[in-house]
Protein backbone atom coordinates (compact mmCIF):
# COMPACT_ATOMS: atom_id res chain seq x y z
CA UNK A 1 27.30 -3.96 8.64
CA UNK A 2 26.97 -0.65 6.84
CA UNK A 3 25.74 -0.49 3.25
CA UNK A 4 29.01 1.23 2.28
CA UNK A 5 30.81 -2.05 2.98
CA UNK A 6 28.17 -4.68 2.24
CA UNK A 7 27.02 -3.41 -1.16
CA UNK A 8 30.49 -3.07 -2.74
CA UNK A 9 31.28 -6.59 -1.57
CA UNK A 10 28.15 -7.89 -3.31
CA UNK A 11 28.88 -5.81 -6.43
CA UNK A 12 32.42 -7.17 -6.73
CA UNK A 13 31.14 -10.71 -6.28
CA UNK A 14 28.59 -10.22 -9.05
CA UNK A 15 31.28 -8.91 -11.40
CA UNK A 16 33.55 -11.86 -10.64
CA UNK A 17 30.66 -14.23 -11.19
CA UNK A 18 30.27 -12.88 -14.74
CA UNK A 19 33.62 -14.42 -15.64
CA UNK A 20 32.40 -17.95 -14.88
CA UNK A 21 29.11 -17.88 -16.80
CA UNK A 22 29.75 -18.49 -20.48
CA UNK A 23 27.53 -17.60 -23.38
CA UNK A 24 25.24 -20.36 -24.61
CA UNK A 25 24.86 -21.50 -28.18
CA UNK A 26 21.43 -19.91 -28.61
CA UNK A 27 20.03 -23.20 -29.90
CA UNK A 28 16.66 -22.80 -31.55
CA UNK A 29 13.82 -24.21 -29.51
CA UNK A 30 15.50 -23.62 -26.16
CA UNK A 31 12.41 -21.90 -24.74
CA UNK A 32 10.20 -24.83 -25.71
CA UNK A 33 12.68 -27.27 -24.16
CA UNK A 34 12.79 -25.35 -20.88
CA UNK A 35 9.04 -25.06 -20.62
CA UNK A 36 8.67 -28.76 -21.43
CA UNK A 37 11.12 -29.64 -18.64
CA UNK A 38 9.22 -27.46 -16.18
CA UNK A 39 5.99 -29.26 -17.05
CA UNK A 40 7.53 -32.66 -16.29
CA UNK A 41 5.75 -34.14 -13.21
CA UNK A 42 9.14 -35.23 -11.85
CA UNK A 43 10.88 -31.85 -12.18
CA UNK A 44 11.08 -31.54 -8.37
CA UNK A 45 12.46 -35.04 -7.88
CA UNK A 46 9.41 -36.97 -6.65
CA UNK A 47 10.84 -40.17 -8.12
CA UNK A 48 14.01 -40.09 -5.97
CA UNK A 49 14.59 -43.24 -3.94
CA UNK A 50 17.10 -44.47 -1.37
CA UNK A 51 20.54 -44.70 -3.06
CA UNK A 52 21.46 -48.36 -3.51
CA UNK A 53 25.20 -47.75 -3.57
CA UNK A 54 25.76 -45.14 -0.84
CA UNK A 55 29.04 -45.97 0.83
CA UNK A 56 31.51 -44.28 3.15
CA UNK A 57 35.03 -43.77 1.80
CA UNK A 58 36.27 -42.38 5.14
CA UNK A 59 34.75 -42.00 8.61
CA UNK A 60 32.73 -38.98 7.41
CA UNK A 61 32.95 -38.89 3.62
CA UNK A 62 30.33 -40.71 1.57
CA UNK A 63 29.36 -41.00 -2.06
CA UNK A 64 26.57 -42.41 -4.18
CA UNK A 65 25.49 -42.40 -7.78
CA UNK A 66 23.09 -39.65 -8.76
CA UNK A 67 19.76 -40.94 -10.06
CA UNK A 68 19.92 -38.27 -12.76
CA UNK A 69 22.42 -39.00 -15.52
CA UNK A 70 24.09 -35.90 -16.96
CA UNK A 71 26.44 -36.05 -19.98
CA UNK A 72 29.51 -35.86 -17.70
CA UNK A 73 30.61 -38.82 -15.58
CA UNK A 74 32.28 -36.75 -12.84
CA UNK A 75 29.06 -34.89 -12.20
CA UNK A 76 27.08 -38.09 -11.73
CA UNK A 77 28.75 -39.12 -8.48
CA UNK A 78 27.44 -37.33 -5.39
CA UNK A 79 30.11 -36.59 -2.78
CA UNK A 80 29.22 -35.59 0.75
CA UNK A 81 30.10 -35.70 4.45
CA UNK A 82 28.18 -36.78 7.53
CA UNK A 83 28.94 -35.34 10.98
CA UNK A 84 27.34 -37.47 13.69
CA UNK A 85 26.52 -37.04 17.37
CA UNK A 86 27.90 -40.44 18.37
CA UNK A 87 27.39 -44.19 18.05
CA UNK A 88 23.58 -43.98 18.19
CA UNK A 89 23.44 -41.03 15.84
CA UNK A 90 20.40 -42.47 14.03
CA UNK A 91 18.30 -41.67 17.11
CA UNK A 92 19.03 -37.96 16.74
CA UNK A 93 17.72 -35.39 14.24
CA UNK A 94 19.76 -34.39 11.21
CA UNK A 95 20.12 -31.21 9.20
CA UNK A 96 21.24 -31.17 5.57
CA UNK A 97 23.32 -28.14 4.55
CA UNK A 98 22.92 -26.92 0.95
CA UNK A 99 25.59 -24.52 -0.26
CA UNK A 100 25.38 -21.55 -2.61
CA UNK A 101 26.49 -21.20 -6.21
CA UNK A 102 30.29 -21.45 -6.51
CA UNK A 103 30.45 -21.41 -2.70
CA UNK A 104 33.56 -23.57 -2.55
CA UNK A 105 35.07 -21.91 0.54
CA UNK A 106 31.74 -22.06 2.31
CA UNK A 107 31.40 -25.75 1.58
CA UNK A 108 34.90 -26.64 2.73
CA UNK A 109 35.30 -24.18 5.64
CA UNK A 110 32.00 -22.69 6.84
CA UNK A 111 29.90 -25.84 6.60
CA UNK A 112 32.24 -28.03 8.70
CA UNK A 113 32.26 -25.28 11.33
CA UNK A 114 28.46 -25.14 11.38
CA UNK A 115 28.35 -28.94 11.49
CA UNK A 116 30.56 -29.07 14.57
CA UNK A 117 28.44 -26.43 16.30
CA UNK A 118 25.22 -28.32 15.54
CA UNK A 119 26.67 -31.66 16.63
CA UNK A 120 27.43 -30.12 20.02
CA UNK A 121 23.71 -29.28 20.19
CA UNK A 122 22.79 -32.91 19.54
CA UNK A 123 21.99 -32.52 15.84
CA UNK A 124 23.64 -34.59 13.11
CA UNK A 125 24.69 -32.77 9.94
CA UNK A 126 24.90 -33.99 6.34
CA UNK A 127 26.25 -31.99 3.43
CA UNK A 128 26.90 -32.77 -0.22
CA UNK A 129 28.31 -30.98 -3.24
CA UNK A 130 25.66 -29.76 -5.65
CA UNK A 131 26.00 -30.65 -9.34
CA UNK A 132 28.88 -28.94 -11.16
CA UNK A 133 30.64 -28.01 -7.91
CA UNK A 134 33.90 -29.17 -6.28
CA UNK A 135 34.70 -32.78 -7.27
CA UNK A 136 31.61 -32.92 -9.51
CA UNK A 137 32.87 -30.22 -11.88
CA UNK A 138 33.37 -31.75 -15.34
CA UNK A 139 36.69 -31.53 -17.16
CA UNK A 140 37.41 -30.96 -20.81
CA UNK A 141 37.04 -28.01 -23.15
CA UNK A 142 33.62 -29.01 -24.47
CA UNK A 143 32.06 -29.71 -21.08
CA UNK A 144 29.81 -27.29 -19.24
CA UNK A 145 31.75 -26.59 -16.06
CA UNK A 146 29.26 -24.49 -14.14
CA UNK A 147 25.79 -24.86 -12.63
CA UNK A 148 24.84 -21.58 -14.33
CA UNK A 149 25.60 -21.18 -18.01
CA UNK A 150 24.20 -19.53 -21.09
CA UNK A 151 22.27 -22.73 -21.74
CA UNK A 152 19.05 -22.40 -19.72
CA UNK A 153 18.14 -26.02 -20.45
CA UNK A 154 21.34 -27.03 -18.65
CA UNK A 155 20.49 -24.79 -15.67
CA UNK A 156 17.04 -26.37 -15.27
CA UNK A 157 18.51 -29.86 -15.58
CA UNK A 158 21.15 -29.02 -12.95
CA UNK A 159 18.41 -27.81 -10.59
CA UNK A 160 16.45 -31.00 -11.19
CA UNK A 161 19.51 -33.13 -10.44
CA UNK A 162 20.14 -31.15 -7.24
CA UNK A 163 16.62 -31.80 -5.99
CA UNK A 164 16.80 -35.51 -6.84
CA UNK A 165 20.17 -35.85 -5.06
CA UNK A 166 18.82 -34.06 -1.97
CA UNK A 167 15.68 -36.18 -1.84
CA UNK A 168 17.72 -39.36 -2.29
CA UNK A 169 19.81 -38.34 0.72
CA UNK A 170 16.65 -37.54 2.71
CA UNK A 171 15.32 -41.01 1.86
CA UNK A 172 18.57 -42.64 3.04
CA UNK A 173 18.55 -40.70 6.33
CA UNK A 174 14.94 -41.71 6.93
CA UNK A 175 15.86 -45.32 6.25
CA UNK A 176 18.60 -45.04 8.89
CA UNK A 177 15.93 -44.07 11.42
CA UNK A 178 16.57 -40.36 11.93
CA UNK A 179 13.44 -39.03 13.66
CA UNK A 180 13.52 -35.52 12.18
CA UNK A 181 15.16 -33.96 9.15
CA UNK A 182 15.82 -30.29 8.47
CA UNK A 183 17.42 -28.21 5.73
CA UNK A 184 19.65 -25.15 5.94
CA UNK A 185 20.30 -23.64 2.54
CA UNK A 186 22.30 -20.57 1.54
CA UNK A 187 21.58 -18.53 -1.63
CA UNK A 188 21.21 -21.14 -4.41
CA UNK A 189 20.95 -23.75 -1.67
CA UNK A 190 18.21 -21.69 -0.02
CA UNK A 191 16.23 -21.62 -3.27
CA UNK A 192 16.55 -25.40 -3.57
CA UNK A 193 15.60 -25.79 0.10
CA UNK A 194 12.52 -23.67 -0.51
CA UNK A 195 11.41 -25.88 -3.38
CA UNK A 196 11.98 -28.97 -1.24
CA UNK A 197 9.99 -27.44 1.62
CA UNK A 198 7.04 -27.18 -0.78
CA UNK A 199 7.41 -30.67 -2.23
CA UNK A 200 8.70 -33.04 0.48
CA UNK A 201 6.54 -33.89 3.51
CA UNK A 202 9.46 -35.53 5.38
CA UNK A 203 10.99 -32.20 6.44
CA UNK A 204 10.57 -30.80 9.95
CA UNK A 205 12.27 -27.41 9.71
CA UNK A 206 13.91 -25.32 6.99
CA UNK A 207 16.26 -22.32 7.02
CA UNK A 208 16.52 -20.17 3.91
CA UNK A 209 19.52 -17.85 4.27
CA UNK A 210 19.75 -15.14 1.58
CA UNK A 211 17.11 -16.96 -0.47
CA UNK A 212 16.93 -16.43 -4.21
CA UNK A 213 13.15 -16.70 -4.30
CA UNK A 214 12.42 -15.26 -7.75
CA UNK A 215 14.41 -17.15 -10.38
CA UNK A 216 12.72 -15.18 -13.15
CA UNK A 217 14.10 -11.94 -11.69
CA UNK A 218 17.57 -13.40 -11.23
CA UNK A 219 17.77 -14.31 -14.91
CA UNK A 220 16.20 -11.06 -16.06
CA UNK A 221 18.17 -8.65 -13.87
CA UNK A 222 21.53 -9.90 -12.60
CA UNK A 223 24.64 -9.10 -14.63
CA UNK A 224 26.07 -12.62 -14.53
CA UNK A 225 22.89 -13.96 -16.17
CA UNK A 226 23.42 -11.81 -19.28
CA UNK A 227 24.70 -14.87 -21.25
CA UNK A 228 21.39 -16.62 -20.55
CA UNK A 229 19.43 -13.60 -21.76
CA UNK A 230 21.53 -13.37 -24.93
CA UNK A 231 21.10 -17.08 -25.62
CA UNK A 232 17.33 -16.66 -25.44
CA UNK A 233 17.57 -13.95 -28.10
CA UNK A 234 14.90 -11.84 -26.47
CA UNK A 235 12.39 -14.69 -26.27
CA UNK A 236 10.31 -14.92 -23.11
CA UNK A 237 10.21 -18.12 -21.11
CA UNK A 238 7.68 -18.95 -18.40
CA UNK A 239 9.66 -19.62 -15.24
CA UNK A 240 6.77 -19.52 -12.77
CA UNK A 241 7.42 -23.10 -11.54
CA UNK A 242 10.87 -21.98 -10.37
CA UNK A 243 9.60 -19.08 -8.25
CA UNK A 244 9.12 -19.95 -4.59
CA UNK A 245 6.18 -17.55 -4.26
CA UNK A 246 4.20 -19.81 -6.60
CA UNK A 247 4.50 -22.79 -4.23
CA UNK A 248 2.97 -23.58 -0.85
CA UNK A 249 4.76 -25.08 2.14
CA UNK A 250 4.35 -28.71 3.16
CA UNK A 251 5.28 -27.83 6.76
CA UNK A 252 4.04 -25.20 9.19
CA UNK A 253 5.20 -21.59 8.52
CA UNK A 254 6.49 -21.46 12.11
CA UNK A 255 9.05 -24.14 11.19
CA UNK A 256 10.54 -22.05 8.38
CA UNK A 257 13.10 -19.29 8.92
CA UNK A 258 13.95 -16.69 6.28
CA UNK A 259 17.25 -14.87 6.86
CA UNK A 260 17.36 -11.78 4.63
CA UNK A 261 19.83 -8.91 4.36
CA UNK A 262 18.91 -5.26 3.87
CA UNK A 263 21.85 -4.57 1.52
CA UNK A 264 21.62 -7.76 -0.57
CA UNK A 265 22.26 -7.03 -4.28
CA UNK A 266 21.68 -10.66 -5.34
CA UNK A 267 18.31 -11.16 -3.66
CA UNK A 268 16.64 -7.88 -2.61
CA UNK A 269 15.08 -8.05 0.84
CA UNK A 270 11.64 -7.21 -0.56
CA UNK A 271 11.60 -10.58 -2.33
CA UNK A 272 12.07 -12.31 1.04
CA UNK A 273 9.29 -10.17 2.49
CA UNK A 274 7.00 -11.17 -0.39
CA UNK A 275 7.87 -14.82 0.19
CA UNK A 276 7.18 -14.51 3.92
CA UNK A 277 3.73 -13.14 3.17
CA UNK A 278 3.00 -15.72 0.44
CA UNK A 279 3.89 -18.54 2.83
CA UNK A 280 1.59 -17.37 5.57
CA UNK A 281 3.98 -15.52 7.83
CA UNK A 282 7.19 -17.48 8.37
CA UNK A 283 9.79 -16.16 10.76
CA UNK A 284 11.83 -13.45 9.00
CA UNK A 285 15.10 -11.96 10.21
CA UNK A 286 16.02 -8.61 8.62
CA UNK A 287 19.77 -8.14 8.98
CA UNK A 288 22.07 -5.20 8.24
CA UNK A 289 24.18 -7.24 5.88
CA UNK A 290 24.67 -8.07 2.22
CA UNK A 291 24.50 -11.37 0.36
CA UNK A 292 28.20 -12.05 0.99
CA UNK A 293 28.86 -10.27 4.27
CA UNK A 294 26.22 -12.27 6.15
CA UNK A 295 28.30 -15.40 5.55
CA UNK A 296 31.17 -13.78 7.48
CA UNK A 297 29.08 -13.01 10.53
CA UNK A 298 29.64 -15.60 13.25
CA UNK A 299 26.95 -14.00 15.48
CA UNK A 300 24.38 -14.58 12.71
CA UNK A 301 25.57 -18.15 12.21
CA UNK A 302 25.46 -18.88 15.95
CA UNK A 303 21.98 -17.41 16.22
CA UNK A 304 20.84 -19.61 13.33
CA UNK A 305 22.46 -22.70 14.86
CA UNK A 306 20.48 -22.00 18.02
CA UNK A 307 17.22 -21.67 16.08
CA UNK A 308 17.82 -24.95 14.24
CA UNK A 309 18.78 -26.80 17.44
CA UNK A 310 15.62 -25.64 19.23
CA UNK A 311 13.40 -26.73 16.35
CA UNK A 312 15.05 -30.09 15.92
CA UNK A 313 15.25 -30.94 19.63
CA UNK A 314 11.79 -29.75 20.66
CA UNK A 315 10.29 -33.24 21.00
CA UNK A 316 13.21 -34.76 22.93
């Protein structure tokens, strides 16, 4: 796709995103709170265990209680779907799809399509709504309704809850007997997948599509993060633990795929190139797309499905 089409699409998306990120209260001590959270040994969800109450509400839909308790009850129930290869699905590999920020259409339309394509390749697919998305979005005027907000403490806590929820689901899938587990994350989901790839040894392959690898740059540069910058009042906060380049993979670089777009205004392609180098030379696809347009490309999605299927089926 030409830059003349991809870049305006990204720009418009960024401007629309500004409307959903509200200014924080600028509470004194926010920097200290954030840095304290990032120093917590459990920030990346090491304590996550198999959910005790995971249950299926329909043939595919499941839910369980998040092991992180936020102030809003709706957000503390994890809702997801499982697409299986058949009766003995536990004998087959599974891929967990992690969606992007405010990616409601992608979650409800794109992900089921990808799931059906992967199932045909003999790969189970699990997906769940990240905190503050879809059915987990809190109600009420005083509630924080979005994953991103002017309150950076909230953002870090939402990221922590996302990682704990993902690792709880990984633990449940392992308990079911699934021989291999992979991740395919998009944008925000790619960032979370990258952190998990550096923290969880149970993963066998990971796809980071349009990865937001430098969270410090996102907050410092993107327009929709202006409320966060204003809430900090010019204070500097050390966000190194949130940058993927500061972590090392727990799996082989050959089992990680970075899908980056040349015209991406959210996550410049050079950040993916830096990440590829920092991680020892993962596979990197450079596409003529933008952050949004790549999601509309069925050829890219089919190519990625094929890559995932080959990685997950290689020992069969």
